[in-house]
Amino acid sequence: MKVLLVVDDDPARYENIARILNAHDVIVAVVQNPDAAEILLQTGKVFAAMLDRDMPNWTGEFYAENIFGHRTIPVCVSSANHPGAKTISSILSEFEVEHSIISVTETAVDERWIGWILNHLYAKK
């Protein structure tokens, strides 16, 4: 079983994706604090992450710098905050973390997210 780590304060946004990924033996774990993210990452089962920007206690920038910056897990920035997403992208680039921006506001976003996720799930390492 693999885990897609999602850092977002709106878990309902990922319900459809979770149903689809279940057929690929992927669990979607939505967390809202850095301790929970760290615990999941330490399991070694997280193959990719999705990251929002605007959350009540911590921003996507915080996660980019402190949680994902020193890891090799690919990150999809899913924020509707376009300037914030670009800032997160810059931070991840500085750490040389593979990442993409696929905003929740884009057309057919679920399909684009699924494509990105499956690409990383089945990528040859």
C-alpha atoms as a PDB file:
ATOM      1  CA  MET A   1       0.000   0.000   0.000  1.00  0.00           C
ATOM      2  CA  LYS A   2       1.301   3.443  -0.976  1.00  0.00           C
ATOM      3  CA  VAL A   3       0.283   6.781   0.498  1.00  0.00           C
ATOM      4  CA  LEU A   4      -0.409  10.094  -1.217  1.00  0.00           C
ATOM      5  CA  LEU A   5       0.198  12.766   1.412  1.00  0.00           C
ATOM      6  CA  VAL A   6      -2.084  15.779   1.021  1.00  0.00           C
ATOM      7  CA  VAL A   7      -1.495  18.909   3.087  1.00  0.00           C
ATOM      8  CA  ASP A   8      -4.714  20.901   2.881  1.00  0.00           C
ATOM      9  CA  ASP A   9      -7.447  22.230   5.169  1.00  0.00           C
ATOM     10  CA  ASP A  10     -10.197  21.104   2.748  1.00  0.00           C
ATOM     11  CA  PRO A  11     -10.208  17.278   2.749  1.00  0.00           C
ATOM     12  CA  ALA A  12     -13.484  17.111   0.798  1.00  0.00           C
ATOM     13  CA  ARG A  13     -11.581  18.420  -2.234  1.00  0.00           C
ATOM     14  CA  TYR A  14      -9.829  15.031  -2.511  1.00  0.00           C
ATOM     15  CA  GLU A  15     -12.723  12.584  -1.989  1.00  0.00           C
ATOM     16  CA  ASN A  16     -13.109  11.718  -5.675  1.00  0.00           C
ATOM     17  CA  ILE A  17      -9.365  11.245  -6.073  1.00  0.00           C
ATOM     18  CA  ALA A  18      -9.281   8.969  -3.021  1.00  0.00           C
ATOM     19  CA  ARG A  19     -11.981   6.745  -4.544  1.00  0.00           C
ATOM     20  CA  ILE A  20     -10.118   6.483  -7.843  1.00  0.00           C
ATOM     21  CA  LEU A  21      -6.740   5.833  -6.210  1.00  0.00           C
ATOM     22  CA  ASN A  22      -8.183   3.098  -4.030  1.00  0.00           C
ATOM     23  CA  ALA A  23      -8.220   0.891  -7.157  1.00  0.00           C
ATOM     24  CA  HIS A  24      -4.445   1.430  -7.362  1.00  0.00           C
ATOM     25  CA  ASP A  25      -3.889   0.476  -3.694  1.00  0.00           C
ATOM     26  CA  VAL A  26      -3.198   4.090  -2.755  1.00  0.00           C
ATOM     27  CA  ILE A  27      -4.429   5.696   0.438  1.00  0.00           C
ATOM     28  CA  VAL A  28      -4.991   9.452   0.363  1.00  0.00           C
ATOM     29  CA  ALA A  29      -4.017  10.907   3.733  1.00  0.00           C
ATOM     30  CA  VAL A  30      -5.095  14.521   4.237  1.00  0.00           C
ATOM     31  CA  VAL A  31      -3.312  16.275   7.097  1.00  0.00           C
ATOM     32  CA  GLN A  32      -3.416  19.779   8.488  1.00  0.00           C
ATOM     33  CA  ASN A  33      -0.349  19.962  10.687  1.00  0.00           C
ATOM     34  CA  PRO A  34       3.380  19.346  10.283  1.00  0.00           C
ATOM     35  CA  ASP A  35       3.578  16.650  12.978  1.00  0.00           C
ATOM     36  CA  ALA A  36       1.056  14.470  11.150  1.00  0.00           C
ATOM     37  CA  ALA A  37       2.912  15.020   7.865  1.00  0.00           C
ATOM     38  CA  GLU A  38       6.216  14.014   9.474  1.00  0.00           C
ATOM     39  CA  ILE A  39       4.715  10.858  10.989  1.00  0.00           C
ATOM     40  CA  LEU A  40       3.372   9.754   7.608  1.00  0.00           C
ATOM     41  CA  LEU A  41       6.618  10.582   5.818  1.00  0.00           C
ATOM     42  CA  GLN A  42       8.593   8.517   8.327  1.00  0.00           C
ATOM     43  CA  THR A  43       6.619   5.398   7.356  1.00  0.00           C
ATOM     44  CA  GLY A  44       8.407   5.300   4.007  1.00  0.00           C
ATOM     45  CA  LYS A  45       5.095   4.670   2.222  1.00  0.00           C
ATOM     46  CA  VAL A  46       4.546   8.204   0.896  1.00  0.00           C
ATOM     47  CA  PHE A  47       5.412   8.324  -2.813  1.00  0.00           C
ATOM     48  CA  ALA A  48       4.165  11.871  -3.572  1.00  0.00           C
ATOM     49  CA  ALA A  49       2.530  14.860  -1.928  1.00  0.00           C
ATOM     50  CA  MET A  50       0.000  17.543  -2.750  1.00  0.00           C
ATOM     51  CA  LEU A  51       0.324  20.918  -1.066  1.00  0.00           C
ATOM     52  CA  ASP A  52      -2.127  23.770  -0.590  1.00  0.00           C
ATOM     53  CA  ARG A  53      -0.914  27.272   0.207  1.00  0.00           C
ATOM     54  CA  ASP A  54      -3.548  28.929   2.394  1.00  0.00           C
ATOM     55  CA  MET A  55      -4.303  27.103   5.630  1.00  0.00           C
ATOM     56  CA  PRO A  56      -5.224  28.378   9.093  1.00  0.00           C
ATOM     57  CA  ASN A  57      -2.012  27.674  11.020  1.00  0.00           C
ATOM     58  CA  TRP A  58       0.783  26.961   8.547  1.00  0.00           C
ATOM     59  CA  THR A  59       1.284  28.075   4.973  1.00  0.00           C
ATOM     60  CA  GLY A  60       2.412  26.044   2.020  1.00  0.00           C
ATOM     61  CA  GLU A  61       5.692  27.960   2.187  1.00  0.00           C
ATOM     62  CA  PHE A  62       6.281  26.581   5.684  1.00  0.00           C
ATOM     63  CA  TYR A  63       5.768  23.019   4.453  1.00  0.00           C
ATOM     64  CA  ALA A  64       7.957  23.592   1.382  1.00  0.00           C
ATOM     65  CA  GLU A  65      10.836  24.852   3.527  1.00  0.00           C
ATOM     66  CA  ASN A  66      10.520  22.649   6.606  1.00  0.00           C
ATOM     67  CA  ILE A  67       8.854  19.409   5.553  1.00  0.00           C
ATOM     68  CA  PHE A  68       9.442  18.789   1.842  1.00  0.00           C
ATOM     69  CA  GLY A  69      12.633  20.771   1.253  1.00  0.00           C
ATOM     70  CA  HIS A  70      14.942  18.065   2.555  1.00  0.00           C
ATOM     71  CA  ARG A  71      13.140  15.135   0.933  1.00  0.00           C
ATOM     72  CA  THR A  72      13.024  13.649  -2.546  1.00  0.00           C
ATOM     73  CA  ILE A  73       9.257  13.185  -2.677  1.00  0.00           C
ATOM     74  CA  PRO A  74       7.617  14.956  -5.657  1.00  0.00           C
ATOM     75  CA  VAL A  75       5.140  17.679  -4.713  1.00  0.00           C
ATOM     76  CA  CYS A  76       2.113  18.962  -6.599  1.00  0.00           C
ATOM     77  CA  VAL A  77       1.205  22.490  -5.498  1.00  0.00           C
ATOM     78  CA  SER A  78      -2.589  22.508  -5.633  1.00  0.00           C
ATOM     79  CA  SER A  79      -3.317  25.998  -4.351  1.00  0.00           C
ATOM     80  CA  ALA A  80      -5.812  28.413  -5.903  1.00  0.00           C
ATOM     81  CA  ASN A  81      -3.537  31.224  -4.685  1.00  0.00           C
ATOM     82  CA  HIS A  82      -1.458  31.657  -7.851  1.00  0.00           C
ATOM     83  CA  PRO A  83       1.160  34.084  -6.437  1.00  0.00           C
ATOM     84  CA  GLY A  84       1.494  31.839  -3.365  1.00  0.00           C
ATOM     85  CA  ALA A  85       1.880  28.751  -5.564  1.00  0.00           C
ATOM     86  CA  LYS A  86       4.687  30.452  -7.482  1.00  0.00           C
ATOM     87  CA  THR A  87       6.434  31.312  -4.213  1.00  0.00           C
ATOM     88  CA  ILE A  88       6.152  27.687  -3.091  1.00  0.00           C
ATOM     89  CA  SER A  89       7.500  26.593  -6.470  1.00  0.00           C
ATOM     90  CA  SER A  90      10.516  28.878  -6.011  1.00  0.00           C
ATOM     91  CA  ILE A  91      11.217  27.413  -2.578  1.00  0.00           C
ATOM     92  CA  LEU A  92      10.938  23.837  -3.851  1.00  0.00           C
ATOM     93  CA  SER A  93      13.224  24.719  -6.774  1.00  0.00           C
ATOM     94  CA  GLU A  94      15.854  26.042  -4.365  1.00  0.00           C
ATOM     95  CA  PHE A  95      15.788  22.651  -2.613  1.00  0.00           C
ATOM     96  CA  GLU A  96      15.748  20.848  -5.990  1.00  0.00           C
ATOM     97  CA  VAL A  97      12.469  19.113  -5.138  1.00  0.00           C
ATOM     98  CA  GLU A  98      10.617  17.792  -8.175  1.00  0.00           C
ATOM     99  CA  HIS A  99       7.292  19.609  -8.319  1.00  0.00           C
ATOM    100  CA  SER A 100       4.430  20.838 -10.464  1.00  0.00           C
ATOM    101  CA  ILE A 101       1.688  23.399 -10.021  1.00  0.00           C
ATOM    102  CA  ILE A 102      -1.815  22.162 -10.819  1.00  0.00           C
ATOM    103  CA  SER A 103      -4.235  24.655  -9.311  1.00  0.00           C
ATOM    104  CA  VAL A 104      -7.591  23.599  -7.935  1.00  0.00           C
ATOM    105  CA  THR A 105      -9.062  26.288 -10.227  1.00  0.00           C
ATOM    106  CA  GLU A 106      -7.890  24.616 -13.450  1.00  0.00           C
ATOM    107  CA  THR A 107     -10.283  22.916 -15.851  1.00  0.00           C
ATOM    108  CA  ALA A 108     -10.545  19.141 -15.319  1.00  0.00           C
ATOM    109  CA  VAL A 109      -8.372  19.431 -12.236  1.00  0.00           C
ATOM    110  CA  ASP A 110      -9.245  15.987 -10.850  1.00  0.00           C
ATOM    111  CA  GLU A 111      -8.133  14.367 -14.097  1.00  0.00           C
ATOM    112  CA  ARG A 112      -4.917  16.402 -14.164  1.00  0.00           C
ATOM    113  CA  TRP A 113      -4.192  15.523 -10.533  1.00  0.00           C
ATOM    114  CA  ILE A 114      -4.884  11.822 -11.165  1.00  0.00           C
ATOM    115  CA  GLY A 115      -2.548  11.870 -14.173  1.00  0.00           C
ATOM    116  CA  TRP A 116       0.209  13.511 -12.131  1.00  0.00           C
ATOM    117  CA  ILE A 117      -0.285  11.087  -9.233  1.00  0.00           C
ATOM    118  CA  LEU A 118      -0.348   7.942 -11.392  1.00  0.00           C
ATOM    119  CA  ASN A 119       2.713   9.129 -13.282  1.00  0.00           C
ATOM    120  CA  HIS A 120       4.615   9.278  -9.997  1.00  0.00           C
ATOM    121  CA  LEU A 121       3.102   6.081  -8.639  1.00  0.00           C
ATOM    122  CA  TYR A 122       4.164   4.035 -11.647  1.00  0.00           C
ATOM    123  CA  ALA A 123       7.343   5.932 -12.580  1.00  0.00           C
ATOM    124  CA  LYS A 124      10.405   3.770 -13.004  1.00  0.00           C
ATOM    125  CA  LYS A 125      12.921   4.598 -10.308  1.00  0.00           C
END
